[in-house]
Amino acid sequence: MSVRRKWLRAIFMVMLAGACFLGAISPKDIENTLNVMNETKIEFSLRDENDSGDDGPEGYARWK
């Protein structure tokens, strides 16, 4: 992780702590926000009408 990214994360954490201290955000909301940030992202791809499922990208045929 770059130094800039670490500083941005530190500033974000300080802002969250300040909001919690002032009562603007509850600690449970902060915990939920941090959990969402750390969730694994999953991507799905949908078949189109030309996809038979047997070929790979750009005409690459898998061995059968």
N, C-alpha and C. Protein backbone atom coordinates (compact mmCIF):
# COMPACT_ATOMS: atom_id res chain seq x y z
N MET A 1 0.85 -1.17 0.00
CA MET A 1 0.00 0.00 0.00
C MET A 1 0.90 1.23 0.00
N SER A 2 0.54 2.20 -0.82
CA SER A 2 1.36 3.39 -0.93
C SER A 2 1.20 4.28 0.31
N VAL A 3 2.15 5.18 0.46
CA VAL A 3 2.13 6.09 1.61
C VAL A 3 0.90 7.00 1.54
N ARG A 4 0.57 7.45 0.34
CA ARG A 4 -0.59 8.32 0.17
C ARG A 4 -1.87 7.60 0.60
N ARG A 5 -1.98 6.35 0.22
CA ARG A 5 -3.17 5.55 0.58
C ARG A 5 -3.25 5.36 2.09
N LYS A 6 -2.11 5.15 2.74
CA LYS A 6 -2.09 5.00 4.19
C LYS A 6 -2.53 6.28 4.88
N TRP A 7 -2.08 7.44 4.37
CA TRP A 7 -2.47 8.72 4.96
C TRP A 7 -3.97 8.96 4.77
N LEU A 8 -4.49 8.64 3.61
CA LEU A 8 -5.92 8.81 3.37
C LEU A 8 -6.74 7.92 4.30
N ARG A 9 -6.28 6.71 4.52
CA ARG A 9 -6.98 5.80 5.44
C ARG A 9 -6.92 6.34 6.86
N ALA A 10 -5.77 6.87 7.27
CA ALA A 10 -5.62 7.43 8.61
C ALA A 10 -6.54 8.64 8.80
N ILE A 11 -6.62 9.49 7.79
CA ILE A 11 -7.51 10.66 7.87
C ILE A 11 -8.96 10.22 7.97
N PHE A 12 -9.33 9.21 7.20
CA PHE A 12 -10.69 8.68 7.25
C PHE A 12 -11.02 8.14 8.64
N MET A 13 -10.08 7.41 9.24
CA MET A 13 -10.30 6.86 10.58
C MET A 13 -10.44 7.97 11.62
N VAL A 14 -9.64 9.03 11.49
CA VAL A 14 -9.73 10.15 12.42
C VAL A 14 -11.09 10.84 12.27
N MET A 15 -11.55 10.99 11.04
CA MET A 15 -12.86 11.61 10.83
C MET A 15 -13.98 10.76 11.42
N LEU A 16 -13.90 9.44 11.26
CA LEU A 16 -14.90 8.56 11.85
C LEU A 16 -14.87 8.62 13.38
N ALA A 17 -13.67 8.64 13.95
CA ALA A 17 -13.56 8.74 15.41
C ALA A 17 -14.14 10.05 15.91
N GLY A 18 -13.88 11.14 15.20
CA GLY A 18 -14.42 12.44 15.59
C GLY A 18 -15.94 12.47 15.51
N ALA A 19 -16.49 11.87 14.47
CA ALA A 19 -17.95 11.83 14.33
C ALA A 19 -18.57 10.98 15.43
N CYS A 20 -17.91 9.91 15.80
CA CYS A 20 -18.40 9.06 16.88
C CYS A 20 -18.34 9.81 18.21
N PHE A 21 -17.25 10.51 18.44
CA PHE A 21 -17.06 11.25 19.69
C PHE A 21 -18.11 12.35 19.83
N LEU A 22 -18.44 13.00 18.71
CA LEU A 22 -19.42 14.09 18.75
C LEU A 22 -20.86 13.57 18.74
N GLY A 23 -21.04 12.29 18.56
CA GLY A 23 -22.38 11.71 18.59
C GLY A 23 -23.10 11.74 17.27
N ALA A 24 -22.42 12.11 16.19
CA ALA A 24 -23.07 12.17 14.88
C ALA A 24 -23.30 10.77 14.31
N ILE A 25 -22.42 9.84 14.62
CA ILE A 25 -22.52 8.47 14.12
C ILE A 25 -22.34 7.53 15.30
N SER A 26 -23.16 6.49 15.34
CA SER A 26 -23.01 5.50 16.42
C SER A 26 -21.86 4.55 16.11
N PRO A 27 -21.24 3.98 17.13
CA PRO A 27 -20.15 3.01 16.89
C PRO A 27 -20.60 1.81 16.06
N LYS A 28 -21.87 1.41 16.17
CA LYS A 28 -22.37 0.29 15.39
C LYS A 28 -22.39 0.63 13.89
N ASP A 29 -22.76 1.88 13.56
CA ASP A 29 -22.75 2.31 12.16
C ASP A 29 -21.33 2.32 11.60
N ILE A 30 -20.37 2.74 12.41
CA ILE A 30 -18.97 2.74 11.98
C ILE A 30 -18.49 1.31 11.74
N GLU A 31 -18.87 0.40 12.64
CA GLU A 31 -18.49 -1.00 12.47
C GLU A 31 -19.07 -1.57 11.19
N ASN A 32 -20.33 -1.25 10.90
CA ASN A 32 -20.94 -1.73 9.65
C ASN A 32 -20.24 -1.16 8.43
N THR A 33 -19.86 0.11 8.48
CA THR A 33 -19.14 0.74 7.37
C THR A 33 -17.81 0.06 7.13
N LEU A 34 -17.07 -0.22 8.18
CA LEU A 34 -15.77 -0.87 8.03
C LEU A 34 -15.92 -2.30 7.52
N ASN A 35 -16.97 -3.00 7.92
CA ASN A 35 -17.22 -4.35 7.42
C ASN A 35 -17.53 -4.33 5.93
N VAL A 36 -18.31 -3.36 5.48
CA VAL A 36 -18.63 -3.25 4.06
C VAL A 36 -17.37 -2.96 3.25
N MET A 37 -16.47 -2.13 3.79
CA MET A 37 -15.23 -1.80 3.09
C MET A 37 -14.34 -3.02 2.92
N ASN A 38 -14.41 -3.99 3.84
CA ASN A 38 -13.53 -5.14 3.81
C ASN A 38 -14.16 -6.38 3.18
N GLU A 39 -15.41 -6.28 2.70
CA GLU A 39 -16.05 -7.41 2.06
C GLU A 39 -15.38 -7.76 0.74
N THR A 40 -15.40 -9.03 0.43
CA THR A 40 -14.87 -9.49 -0.85
C THR A 40 -15.84 -9.13 -1.96
N LYS A 41 -15.32 -8.59 -3.02
CA LYS A 41 -16.16 -8.21 -4.17
C LYS A 41 -16.26 -9.42 -5.10
N ILE A 42 -17.47 -9.76 -5.51
CA ILE A 42 -17.71 -10.89 -6.40
C ILE A 42 -18.35 -10.35 -7.68
N GLU A 43 -17.80 -10.76 -8.80
CA GLU A 43 -18.35 -10.35 -10.08
C GLU A 43 -18.99 -11.55 -10.76
N PHE A 44 -20.13 -11.32 -11.38
CA PHE A 44 -20.83 -12.36 -12.12
C PHE A 44 -20.82 -11.99 -13.59
N SER A 45 -20.70 -12.98 -14.42
CA SER A 45 -20.81 -12.73 -15.86
C SER A 45 -22.00 -13.53 -16.38
N LEU A 46 -22.76 -12.91 -17.24
CA LEU A 46 -23.94 -13.54 -17.82
C LEU A 46 -23.65 -13.96 -19.24
N ARG A 47 -24.19 -15.09 -19.62
CA ARG A 47 -24.01 -15.57 -20.99
C ARG A 47 -24.90 -14.77 -21.92
N ASP A 48 -24.39 -14.53 -23.11
CA ASP A 48 -25.25 -13.94 -24.13
C ASP A 48 -25.70 -15.04 -25.09
N GLU A 49 -26.46 -14.69 -26.12
CA GLU A 49 -27.02 -15.70 -27.02
C GLU A 49 -25.95 -16.41 -27.86
N ASN A 50 -24.75 -15.83 -27.98
CA ASN A 50 -23.68 -16.44 -28.78
C ASN A 50 -22.79 -17.36 -27.96
N ASP A 51 -23.00 -17.47 -26.68
CA ASP A 51 -22.12 -18.24 -25.81
C ASP A 51 -22.67 -19.65 -25.64
N SER A 52 -21.92 -20.62 -26.16
CA SER A 52 -22.34 -22.02 -26.00
C SER A 52 -21.75 -22.65 -24.76
N GLY A 53 -20.78 -21.99 -24.15
CA GLY A 53 -20.16 -22.51 -22.93
C GLY A 53 -18.96 -23.40 -23.18
N ASP A 54 -18.69 -23.76 -24.45
CA ASP A 54 -17.59 -24.66 -24.76
C ASP A 54 -16.29 -23.94 -25.09
N ASP A 55 -16.36 -22.72 -25.53
CA ASP A 55 -15.17 -21.99 -25.96
C ASP A 55 -14.72 -21.01 -24.88
N GLY A 56 -13.44 -20.77 -24.84
CA GLY A 56 -12.89 -19.78 -23.93
C GLY A 56 -12.84 -18.43 -24.61
N PRO A 57 -12.08 -17.51 -24.06
CA PRO A 57 -12.00 -16.17 -24.64
C PRO A 57 -11.34 -16.18 -26.01
N GLU A 58 -11.92 -15.48 -26.95
CA GLU A 58 -11.41 -15.25 -28.30
C GLU A 58 -11.08 -16.54 -29.05
N GLY A 59 -12.00 -17.48 -29.04
CA GLY A 59 -11.85 -18.69 -29.85
C GLY A 59 -10.98 -19.77 -29.25
N TYR A 60 -10.50 -19.60 -28.05
CA TYR A 60 -9.69 -20.63 -27.41
C TYR A 60 -10.61 -21.78 -27.01
N ALA A 61 -10.35 -22.97 -27.55
CA ALA A 61 -11.16 -24.13 -27.24
C ALA A 61 -10.48 -24.96 -26.15
N ARG A 62 -11.24 -25.32 -25.13
CA ARG A 62 -10.67 -26.15 -24.06
C ARG A 62 -10.52 -27.58 -24.55
N TRP A 63 -9.53 -28.30 -24.02
CA TRP A 63 -9.34 -29.69 -24.36
C TRP A 63 -10.44 -30.51 -23.72
N LYS A 64 -10.98 -31.43 -24.45
CA LYS A 64 -12.09 -32.25 -23.94
C LYS A 64 -11.63 -33.64 -23.67
